[in-house]
Amino acid sequence: MTPAPVATDTAQGARPEAVGRVHSIETAGMLDGPGIRQVIFLSGCPLRCLYCHNPDTAGMNNGELRRADDLLAGLARRKPFLRSGGLTVSGGEPLVQPGFLKTLLTGAKALGLHTAVDTSGHLGARVDDELLALTDLWLLDIKSFDPATYKRVTGVELAPTLAFAQRLAARNRPLWIRFVLVPGLTDEVANIEGLAGFVAGLGPAVERVEVLPFHKLGEPKWAASGLAYKLAATQPPTPEATESARRIFRAHGLKVF
């Protein structure tokens, strides 16, 4: 599938933006960074992942225009509950709106909160030094290490994601790597070994690797959006297969969850 074009605010060096497209907000997330976190899901994504569990975030028109000041005021009210965590900005793909993302992270840092960005890294070239500095943790999703499989899964090329990972590591920016194990798609041993070797080569910036078993919880959203879910016949990996993948990463000296 060819990715549909998405609107963006600006390119690298984006000025802070006061208004952006927001799909939804989770006020007490515990899966997108350390501690209890508010997660803001921005609209827009250039990828079209076969197993996306939020396909409704892909288009910019599926989001609501929101003022950053209003979002940050809500964040300030919840600050006492977020001291163990902070703010994570996800999507969609948050780097579609780099200026708005920068505004949110600036406000969160002013509140003394930890910041994280959950990204595919495909638009990493849009991240300037200021945005790098504002982000305490990068949650980087690497869907596959085999370029052909990556293209099949996402509809886009792998190289920009790997380049962004290397850039973050060179700047020693904390990284959590996420890899979804999909039977018959990303579970080949050579693919996992290749990714594990690449991630290990990134050095101490990588704090952990999360091997996430494929699930179909997002399938109803595809139907609701009038989209064909191409992995309807694919089953989640067995616990044994998931643990086997995790062992490969551990064998490369990585901390794995």
C-alpha atoms as a PDB file:
ATOM      1  CA  MET A   1       0.000   0.000   0.000  1.00  0.00           C
ATOM      2  CA  THR A   2       1.335   3.420  -0.905  1.00  0.00           C
ATOM      3  CA  PRO A   3       1.251   5.748   2.104  1.00  0.00           C
ATOM      4  CA  ALA A   4      -1.174   8.604   1.741  1.00  0.00           C
ATOM      5  CA  PRO A   5       0.325  12.107   2.017  1.00  0.00           C
ATOM      6  CA  VAL A   6      -0.087  13.848   5.338  1.00  0.00           C
ATOM      7  CA  ALA A   7      -0.033  17.533   6.151  1.00  0.00           C
ATOM      8  CA  THR A   8       2.862  18.819   8.227  1.00  0.00           C
ATOM      9  CA  ASP A   9       3.497  22.070  10.036  1.00  0.00           C
ATOM     10  CA  THR A  10       7.117  22.704   9.081  1.00  0.00           C
ATOM     11  CA  ALA A  11      10.328  20.829   8.386  1.00  0.00           C
ATOM     12  CA  GLN A  12      13.551  20.607  10.397  1.00  0.00           C
ATOM     13  CA  GLY A  13      14.121  23.692  12.525  1.00  0.00           C
ATOM     14  CA  ALA A  14      10.383  24.015  13.077  1.00  0.00           C
ATOM     15  CA  ARG A  15       9.222  27.031  15.018  1.00  0.00           C
ATOM     16  CA  PRO A  16       7.116  26.242  18.069  1.00  0.00           C
ATOM     17  CA  GLU A  17       3.452  26.069  17.100  1.00  0.00           C
ATOM     18  CA  ALA A  18       0.550  27.027  19.373  1.00  0.00           C
ATOM     19  CA  VAL A  19      -2.081  24.828  17.696  1.00  0.00           C
ATOM     20  CA  GLY A  20      -1.932  21.236  16.479  1.00  0.00           C
ATOM     21  CA  ARG A  21      -4.023  18.236  15.547  1.00  0.00           C
ATOM     22  CA  VAL A  22      -4.622  15.887  18.477  1.00  0.00           C
ATOM     23  CA  HIS A  23      -6.308  12.529  18.125  1.00  0.00           C
ATOM     24  CA  SER A  24      -6.741  11.581  21.795  1.00  0.00           C
ATOM     25  CA  ILE A  25      -5.248  11.779  25.294  1.00  0.00           C
ATOM     26  CA  GLU A  26      -4.549   9.084  27.863  1.00  0.00           C
ATOM     27  CA  THR A  27      -4.251  10.578  31.328  1.00  0.00           C
ATOM     28  CA  ALA A  28      -2.654   7.676  33.217  1.00  0.00           C
ATOM     29  CA  GLY A  29      -0.617   5.572  30.803  1.00  0.00           C
ATOM     30  CA  MET A  30       1.898   3.073  32.130  1.00  0.00           C
ATOM     31  CA  LEU A  31       3.237   1.506  28.923  1.00  0.00           C
ATOM     32  CA  ASP A  32       4.891   4.438  27.142  1.00  0.00           C
ATOM     33  CA  GLY A  33       7.880   5.285  29.261  1.00  0.00           C
ATOM     34  CA  PRO A  34       8.752   5.095  32.954  1.00  0.00           C
ATOM     35  CA  GLY A  35       6.137   5.698  35.642  1.00  0.00           C
ATOM     36  CA  ILE A  36       2.625   7.059  35.265  1.00  0.00           C
ATOM     37  CA  ARG A  37       2.379   9.277  32.199  1.00  0.00           C
ATOM     38  CA  GLN A  38       0.001  11.456  30.288  1.00  0.00           C
ATOM     39  CA  VAL A  39       0.100  10.334  26.662  1.00  0.00           C
ATOM     40  CA  ILE A  40      -0.943  12.748  23.931  1.00  0.00           C
ATOM     41  CA  PHE A  41      -1.627  11.062  20.596  1.00  0.00           C
ATOM     42  CA  LEU A  42      -1.070  13.424  17.673  1.00  0.00           C
ATOM     43  CA  SER A  43      -2.735  12.948  14.298  1.00  0.00           C
ATOM     44  CA  GLY A  44      -0.970  12.101  11.064  1.00  0.00           C
ATOM     45  CA  CYS A  45       1.423   9.327  10.039  1.00  0.00           C
ATOM     46  CA  PRO A  46       3.303   8.573   6.799  1.00  0.00           C
ATOM     47  CA  LEU A  47       3.469   4.853   7.621  1.00  0.00           C
ATOM     48  CA  ARG A  48       0.672   2.374   6.905  1.00  0.00           C
ATOM     49  CA  CYS A  49       1.640  -0.530   9.154  1.00  0.00           C
ATOM     50  CA  LEU A  50      -0.219  -3.770   8.511  1.00  0.00           C
ATOM     51  CA  TYR A  51      -0.818  -4.332  12.227  1.00  0.00           C
ATOM     52  CA  CYS A  52      -1.376  -0.720  13.322  1.00  0.00           C
ATOM     53  CA  HIS A  53      -3.679  -0.696  16.340  1.00  0.00           C
ATOM     54  CA  ASN A  54      -4.545   2.993  15.832  1.00  0.00           C
ATOM     55  CA  PRO A  55      -5.236   3.289  12.071  1.00  0.00           C
ATOM     56  CA  ASP A  56      -7.644   6.108  12.845  1.00  0.00           C
ATOM     57  CA  THR A  57      -4.689   8.335  13.791  1.00  0.00           C
ATOM     58  CA  ALA A  58      -3.106   8.189  10.318  1.00  0.00           C
ATOM     59  CA  GLY A  59      -5.031  11.048   8.734  1.00  0.00           C
ATOM     60  CA  MET A  60      -4.744  14.626   9.941  1.00  0.00           C
ATOM     61  CA  ASN A  61      -8.492  15.140   9.520  1.00  0.00           C
ATOM     62  CA  ASN A  62      -9.198  12.515  12.173  1.00  0.00           C
ATOM     63  CA  GLY A  63      -7.812  14.813  14.830  1.00  0.00           C
ATOM     64  CA  GLU A  64      -9.141  17.832  16.634  1.00  0.00           C
ATOM     65  CA  LEU A  65      -7.425  21.207  16.554  1.00  0.00           C
ATOM     66  CA  ARG A  66      -6.169  21.871  20.077  1.00  0.00           C
ATOM     67  CA  ARG A  67      -4.259  24.728  21.654  1.00  0.00           C
ATOM     68  CA  ALA A  68      -1.006  23.785  23.321  1.00  0.00           C
ATOM     69  CA  ASP A  69      -1.781  26.145  26.216  1.00  0.00           C
ATOM     70  CA  ASP A  70      -4.955  24.207  27.007  1.00  0.00           C
ATOM     71  CA  LEU A  71      -3.183  20.863  26.879  1.00  0.00           C
ATOM     72  CA  LEU A  72      -0.383  22.124  29.092  1.00  0.00           C
ATOM     73  CA  ALA A  73      -2.863  23.557  31.591  1.00  0.00           C
ATOM     74  CA  GLY A  74      -4.385  20.093  31.897  1.00  0.00           C
ATOM     75  CA  LEU A  75      -0.931  18.610  32.257  1.00  0.00           C
ATOM     76  CA  ALA A  76      -0.154  21.059  35.064  1.00  0.00           C
ATOM     77  CA  ARG A  77      -3.317  20.032  36.927  1.00  0.00           C
ATOM     78  CA  ARG A  78      -2.267  16.389  36.757  1.00  0.00           C
ATOM     79  CA  LYS A  79       1.354  17.041  37.665  1.00  0.00           C
ATOM     80  CA  PRO A  80       1.017  15.599  41.221  1.00  0.00           C
ATOM     81  CA  PHE A  81       0.009  12.249  39.697  1.00  0.00           C
ATOM     82  CA  LEU A  82       2.796  12.297  37.112  1.00  0.00           C
ATOM     83  CA  ARG A  83       5.821  12.789  39.347  1.00  0.00           C
ATOM     84  CA  SER A  84       6.942   9.184  38.811  1.00  0.00           C
ATOM     85  CA  GLY A  85       6.500   9.568  35.059  1.00  0.00           C
ATOM     86  CA  GLY A  86       5.770  12.554  32.878  1.00  0.00           C
ATOM     87  CA  LEU A  87       4.561  13.312  29.344  1.00  0.00           C
ATOM     88  CA  THR A  88       4.797  11.034  26.325  1.00  0.00           C
ATOM     89  CA  VAL A  89       3.817  12.301  22.881  1.00  0.00           C
ATOM     90  CA  SER A  90       2.788   9.550  20.496  1.00  0.00           C
ATOM     91  CA  GLY A  91       0.497   9.138  17.511  1.00  0.00           C
ATOM     92  CA  GLY A  92       0.133   8.583  14.683  1.00  0.00           C
ATOM     93  CA  GLU A  93       3.605   9.940  14.204  1.00  0.00           C
ATOM     94  CA  PRO A  94       4.443  12.974  16.373  1.00  0.00           C
ATOM     95  CA  LEU A  95       7.218  14.104  14.021  1.00  0.00           C
ATOM     96  CA  VAL A  96       4.556  14.979  11.428  1.00  0.00           C
ATOM     97  CA  GLN A  97       3.958  18.047  13.646  1.00  0.00           C
ATOM     98  CA  PRO A  98       7.454  18.953  14.903  1.00  0.00           C
ATOM     99  CA  GLY A  99       6.641  22.543  15.840  1.00  0.00           C
ATOM    100  CA  PHE A 100       3.613  21.601  17.914  1.00  0.00           C
ATOM    101  CA  LEU A 101       5.565  18.730  19.465  1.00  0.00           C
ATOM    102  CA  LYS A 102       8.298  21.165  20.451  1.00  0.00           C
ATOM    103  CA  THR A 103       5.744  23.429  22.153  1.00  0.00           C
ATOM    104  CA  LEU A 104       4.316  20.556  24.189  1.00  0.00           C
ATOM    105  CA  LEU A 105       7.733  19.316  25.280  1.00  0.00           C
ATOM    106  CA  THR A 106       8.888  22.825  26.193  1.00  0.00           C
ATOM    107  CA  GLY A 107       5.840  23.239  28.409  1.00  0.00           C
ATOM    108  CA  ALA A 108       6.328  19.853  30.038  1.00  0.00           C
ATOM    109  CA  LYS A 109       9.971  20.620  30.823  1.00  0.00           C
ATOM    110  CA  ALA A 110       8.914  23.959  32.336  1.00  0.00           C
ATOM    111  CA  LEU A 111       6.682  21.943  34.676  1.00  0.00           C
ATOM    112  CA  GLY A 112       9.649  19.797  35.664  1.00  0.00           C
ATOM    113  CA  LEU A 113       8.277  16.677  33.985  1.00  0.00           C
ATOM    114  CA  HIS A 114      10.131  13.893  32.207  1.00  0.00           C
ATOM    115  CA  THR A 115       9.448  13.875  28.443  1.00  0.00           C
ATOM    116  CA  ALA A 116       9.301  11.041  25.921  1.00  0.00           C
ATOM    117  CA  VAL A 117       8.495  10.768  22.230  1.00  0.00           C
ATOM    118  CA  ASP A 118       7.185   7.560  20.656  1.00  0.00           C
ATOM    119  CA  THR A 119       8.214   7.505  16.993  1.00  0.00           C
ATOM    120  CA  SER A 120       8.957   5.298  14.008  1.00  0.00           C
ATOM    121  CA  GLY A 121      11.964   7.503  13.306  1.00  0.00           C
ATOM    122  CA  HIS A 122      11.018   7.753   9.632  1.00  0.00           C
ATOM    123  CA  LEU A 123      10.846  11.557   9.888  1.00  0.00           C
ATOM    124  CA  GLY A 124      13.906  11.842  12.117  1.00  0.00           C
ATOM    125  CA  ALA A 125      15.535  14.324   9.741  1.00  0.00           C
ATOM    126  CA  ARG A 126      12.981  16.866  10.990  1.00  0.00           C
ATOM    127  CA  VAL A 127      14.357  16.721  14.523  1.00  0.00           C
ATOM    128  CA  ASP A 128      16.612  19.679  15.254  1.00  0.00           C
ATOM    129  CA  ASP A 129      19.006  20.031  18.171  1.00  0.00           C
ATOM    130  CA  GLU A 130      16.432  21.857  20.283  1.00  0.00           C
ATOM    131  CA  LEU A 131      13.925  19.030  19.943  1.00  0.00           C
ATOM    132  CA  LEU A 132      16.643  16.515  20.747  1.00  0.00           C
ATOM    133  CA  ALA A 133      17.442  18.388  23.950  1.00  0.00           C
ATOM    134  CA  LEU A 134      13.778  18.668  24.983  1.00  0.00           C
ATOM    135  CA  THR A 135      13.232  14.894  24.794  1.00  0.00           C
ATOM    136  CA  ASP A 136      14.469  12.873  27.757  1.00  0.00           C
ATOM    137  CA  LEU A 137      13.622   9.507  26.184  1.00  0.00           C
ATOM    138  CA  TRP A 138      13.017   8.292  22.642  1.00  0.00           C
ATOM    139  CA  LEU A 139      10.755   5.269  22.191  1.00  0.00           C
ATOM    140  CA  LEU A 140      11.889   4.083  18.756  1.00  0.00           C
ATOM    141  CA  ASP A 141       9.814   1.495  16.906  1.00  0.00           C
ATOM    142  CA  ILE A 142      11.884  -0.583  14.493  1.00  0.00           C
ATOM    143  CA  LYS A 143       9.422  -2.839  12.706  1.00  0.00           C
ATOM    144  CA  SER A 144      11.984  -5.062  10.965  1.00  0.00           C
ATOM    145  CA  PHE A 145      15.673  -5.112  10.114  1.00  0.00           C
ATOM    146  CA  ASP A 146      15.150  -6.612   6.679  1.00  0.00           C
ATOM    147  CA  PRO A 147      14.460  -3.699   4.277  1.00  0.00           C
ATOM    148  CA  ALA A 148      12.005  -5.658   2.130  1.00  0.00           C
ATOM    149  CA  THR A 149      10.018  -6.820   5.146  1.00  0.00           C
ATOM    150  CA  TYR A 150      10.060  -3.322   6.603  1.00  0.00           C
ATOM    151  CA  LYS A 151       8.658  -1.928   3.345  1.00  0.00           C
ATOM    152  CA  ARG A 152       5.987  -4.632   3.294  1.00  0.00           C
ATOM    153  CA  VAL A 153       4.983  -3.927   6.901  1.00  0.00           C
ATOM    154  CA  THR A 154       5.029  -0.115   6.769  1.00  0.00           C
ATOM    155  CA  GLY A 155       4.889   1.006   3.139  1.00  0.00           C
ATOM    156  CA  VAL A 156       8.058   3.103   3.579  1.00  0.00           C
ATOM    157  CA  GLU A 157      11.823   2.593   3.541  1.00  0.00           C
ATOM    158  CA  LEU A 158      13.861   1.369   6.523  1.00  0.00           C
ATOM    159  CA  ALA A 159      16.976   3.515   6.039  1.00  0.00           C
ATOM    160  CA  PRO A 160      15.666   6.768   7.611  1.00  0.00           C
ATOM    161  CA  THR A 161      14.771   4.945  10.832  1.00  0.00           C
ATOM    162  CA  LEU A 162      18.189   3.326  11.152  1.00  0.00           C
ATOM    163  CA  ALA A 163      19.897   6.647  10.418  1.00  0.00           C
ATOM    164  CA  PHE A 164      17.864   8.349  13.140  1.00  0.00           C
ATOM    165  CA  ALA A 165      18.707   5.588  15.628  1.00  0.00           C
ATOM    166  CA  GLN A 166      22.400   6.090  14.903  1.00  0.00           C
ATOM    167  CA  ARG A 167      22.067   9.843  15.281  1.00  0.00           C
ATOM    168  CA  LEU A 168      20.383   9.477  18.668  1.00  0.00           C
ATOM    169  CA  ALA A 169      23.043   7.028  19.825  1.00  0.00           C
ATOM    170  CA  ALA A 170      25.853   9.318  18.656  1.00  0.00           C
ATOM    171  CA  ARG A 171      24.312  12.093  20.769  1.00  0.00           C
ATOM    172  CA  ASN A 172      23.848   9.641  23.670  1.00  0.00           C
ATOM    173  CA  ARG A 173      20.108  10.305  23.824  1.00  0.00           C
ATOM    174  CA  PRO A 174      18.327   7.632  25.906  1.00  0.00           C
ATOM    175  CA  LEU A 175      16.574   5.056  23.757  1.00  0.00           C
ATOM    176  CA  TRP A 176      14.025   2.317  24.245  1.00  0.00           C
ATOM    177  CA  ILE A 177      13.799   0.131  21.153  1.00  0.00           C
ATOM    178  CA  ARG A 178      10.459  -1.509  20.368  1.00  0.00           C
ATOM    179  CA  PHE A 179      10.064  -4.505  18.067  1.00  0.00           C
ATOM    180  CA  VAL A 180       6.767  -6.229  17.278  1.00  0.00           C
ATOM    181  CA  LEU A 181       7.052  -9.979  16.725  1.00  0.00           C
ATOM    182  CA  VAL A 182       4.625 -10.987  13.964  1.00  0.00           C
ATOM    183  CA  PRO A 183       4.461 -14.681  12.994  1.00  0.00           C
ATOM    184  CA  GLY A 184       5.232 -15.208   9.338  1.00  0.00           C
ATOM    185  CA  LEU A 185       6.323 -11.613   8.898  1.00  0.00           C
ATOM    186  CA  THR A 186       9.011 -10.361  11.309  1.00  0.00           C
ATOM    187  CA  ASP A 187       9.843 -13.560  13.213  1.00  0.00           C
ATOM    188  CA  GLU A 188      12.617 -14.981  11.029  1.00  0.00           C
ATOM    189  CA  VAL A 189      15.691 -15.667  13.125  1.00  0.00           C
ATOM    190  CA  ALA A 190      17.961 -13.850  10.655  1.00  0.00           C
ATOM    191  CA  ASN A 191      15.790 -10.752  10.912  1.00  0.00           C
ATOM    192  CA  ILE A 192      15.834 -10.770  14.704  1.00  0.00           C
ATOM    193  CA  GLU A 193      19.583 -11.489  14.817  1.00  0.00           C
ATOM    194  CA  GLY A 194      20.241  -8.617  12.421  1.00  0.00           C
ATOM    195  CA  LEU A 195      18.188  -6.169  14.446  1.00  0.00           C
ATOM    196  CA  ALA A 196      19.745  -7.329  17.726  1.00  0.00           C
ATOM    197  CA  GLY A 197      23.243  -6.810  16.322  1.00  0.00           C
ATOM    198  CA  PHE A 198      22.362  -3.344  15.044  1.00  0.00           C
ATOM    199  CA  VAL A 199      20.781  -2.290  18.338  1.00  0.00           C
ATOM    200  CA  ALA A 200      23.715  -3.637  20.366  1.00  0.00           C
ATOM    201  CA  GLY A 201      26.007  -1.563  18.150  1.00  0.00           C
ATOM    202  CA  LEU A 202      24.197   1.605  19.207  1.00  0.00           C
ATOM    203  CA  GLY A 203      25.925   1.342  22.573  1.00  0.00           C
ATOM    204  CA  PRO A 204      24.914   2.594  26.019  1.00  0.00           C
ATOM    205  CA  ALA A 205      22.225   4.973  24.734  1.00  0.00           C
ATOM    206  CA  VAL A 206      19.942   1.915  24.445  1.00  0.00           C
ATOM    207  CA  GLU A 207      18.430   1.436  27.887  1.00  0.00           C
ATOM    208  CA  ARG A 208      16.141  -1.455  26.971  1.00  0.00           C
ATOM    209  CA  VAL A 209      14.532  -3.438  24.182  1.00  0.00           C
ATOM    210  CA  GLU A 210      10.849  -4.310  24.245  1.00  0.00           C
ATOM    211  CA  VAL A 211       9.821  -7.364  22.218  1.00  0.00           C
ATOM    212  CA  LEU A 212       6.078  -6.950  21.806  1.00  0.00           C
ATOM    213  CA  PRO A 213       3.963  -9.911  20.673  1.00  0.00           C
ATOM    214  CA  PHE A 214       1.653  -9.127  17.773  1.00  0.00           C
ATOM    215  CA  HIS A 215      -2.016  -8.732  18.717  1.00  0.00           C
ATOM    216  CA  LYS A 216      -5.225  -7.917  16.853  1.00  0.00           C
ATOM    217  CA  LEU A 217      -6.883  -5.576  19.332  1.00  0.00           C
ATOM    218  CA  GLY A 218      -6.939  -2.844  16.717  1.00  0.00           C
ATOM    219  CA  GLU A 219      -8.726  -4.960  14.091  1.00  0.00           C
ATOM    220  CA  PRO A 220     -12.193  -3.503  14.851  1.00  0.00           C
ATOM    221  CA  LYS A 221     -10.830   0.001  14.174  1.00  0.00           C
ATOM    222  CA  TRP A 222      -9.833  -1.097  10.672  1.00  0.00           C
ATOM    223  CA  ALA A 223     -13.368  -2.325  10.020  1.00  0.00           C
ATOM    224  CA  ALA A 224     -14.843   0.875  11.439  1.00  0.00           C
ATOM    225  CA  SER A 225     -12.614   2.878   9.094  1.00  0.00           C
ATOM    226  CA  GLY A 226     -13.675   0.784   6.100  1.00  0.00           C
ATOM    227  CA  LEU A 227     -10.186  -0.680   5.715  1.00  0.00           C
ATOM    228  CA  ALA A 228      -9.235  -4.276   4.954  1.00  0.00           C
ATOM    229  CA  TYR A 229      -7.208  -5.851   7.758  1.00  0.00           C
ATOM    230  CA  LYS A 230      -4.657  -7.983   5.925  1.00  0.00           C
ATOM    231  CA  LEU A 231      -3.447  -9.864   8.998  1.00  0.00           C
ATOM    232  CA  ALA A 232      -6.861 -11.233   9.990  1.00  0.00           C
ATOM    233  CA  ALA A 233      -5.589 -14.809   9.653  1.00  0.00           C
ATOM    234  CA  THR A 234      -2.353 -14.165  11.566  1.00  0.00           C
ATOM    235  CA  GLN A 235      -2.304 -15.397  15.145  1.00  0.00           C
ATOM    236  CA  PRO A 236      -0.262 -13.905  18.016  1.00  0.00           C
ATOM    237  CA  PRO A 237       3.097 -15.587  18.624  1.00  0.00           C
ATOM    238  CA  THR A 238       3.277 -18.226  21.303  1.00  0.00           C
ATOM    239  CA  PRO A 239       4.875 -17.288  24.624  1.00  0.00           C
ATOM    240  CA  GLU A 240       7.725 -19.653  23.699  1.00  0.00           C
ATOM    241  CA  ALA A 241       8.337 -17.861  20.391  1.00  0.00           C
ATOM    242  CA  THR A 242       8.291 -14.481  22.089  1.00  0.00           C
ATOM    243  CA  GLU A 243      10.754 -15.617  24.723  1.00  0.00           C
ATOM    244  CA  SER A 244      12.990 -17.107  22.025  1.00  0.00           C
ATOM    245  CA  ALA A 245      13.151 -13.708  20.311  1.00  0.00           C
ATOM    246  CA  ARG A 246      13.948 -12.032  23.608  1.00  0.00           C
ATOM    247  CA  ARG A 247      16.796 -14.490  24.184  1.00  0.00           C
ATOM    248  CA  ILE A 248      18.380 -13.424  20.906  1.00  0.00           C
ATOM    249  CA  PHE A 249      18.460  -9.800  22.044  1.00  0.00           C
ATOM    250  CA  ARG A 250      19.773 -10.797  25.484  1.00  0.00           C
ATOM    251  CA  ALA A 251      22.559 -12.797  23.814  1.00  0.00           C
ATOM    252  CA  HIS A 252      23.776  -9.482  22.374  1.00  0.00           C
ATOM    253  CA  GLY A 253      24.064  -8.017  25.864  1.00  0.00           C
ATOM    254  CA  LEU A 254      20.834  -6.031  25.760  1.00  0.00           C
ATOM    255  CA  LYS A 255      18.335  -5.490  28.563  1.00  0.00           C
ATOM    256  CA  VAL A 256      15.101  -6.977  27.275  1.00  0.00           C
ATOM    257  CA  PHE A 257      11.455  -6.866  28.306  1.00  0.00           C
END
